[in-house]
Amino acid sequence: MTDLQDKWDAIYHKREDLIPDPATMLPLYAHLLPTKGRALDLACGLGGNAFFMAKQGLQVDAWDISPVAVERINNNSQTKTVHASTVDANQVDFPTEYYDVITVSRFLNRHISHQLICALKPGGLLFYQTFTLEKAQSGGPSNPEFLLKKGELLSLFAILEPVIYHEESTLGNTKQGIRNEAILIAKKPII
């Protein structure tokens, strides 16, 4: 086991919830999801996004570095359309043009952006939501390696066609809205 696996295993051992809520972007923009197809929930944790997409009709692969999280997902009897696997996103070869939808939430590895794009089928959607460097409130990681610069999601996935981009940062009433995170929903062009 790696230190990173140990860290996340300890976190998931403490979690009581059977199925956590999905990332804000999924229920908010669920109407954009296809009603069938294959999806990947990358860095899935306990599977909030994966179970949400399965309820929308998708066959979901849920990948996480934590064997504890993966075991809890696979032992959940609520759905047979979610298959969880212990995968280190830094070490995996993504399949090519395989997924209709890929979700990533609260995880950032800039080095795999191209692989995520390649793993989407033409016309496939990327749903990405993670922490930003500019914070309206305290919380989330403090290491800049895991924080997005202003507009960075648009740059990382510039080859995709943006459908929704959301980044409120410190504008207006910072006690309301989706703060400290950016959201990108983008479509792979059909060539």
Foldseek 3Di string as FASTA:
>chain_A
DDPVQVVLQVVLVPDDDLADADPPVCVVPVVPDDQEWEEEEEQQQLNNVPVSVVVSNYQYEYEHQHPNSQVSNVPDPPDPSYHYDNDDLVPDQADFQHGLEYEYEAFDDLVCLVSVLRNHHAFHKYKYKHFAQQFQDDDHDNPCNSHHYVPVVCVSNVQWAWPDWDADRNPDDSVDDDTRMIITMTGHHDD
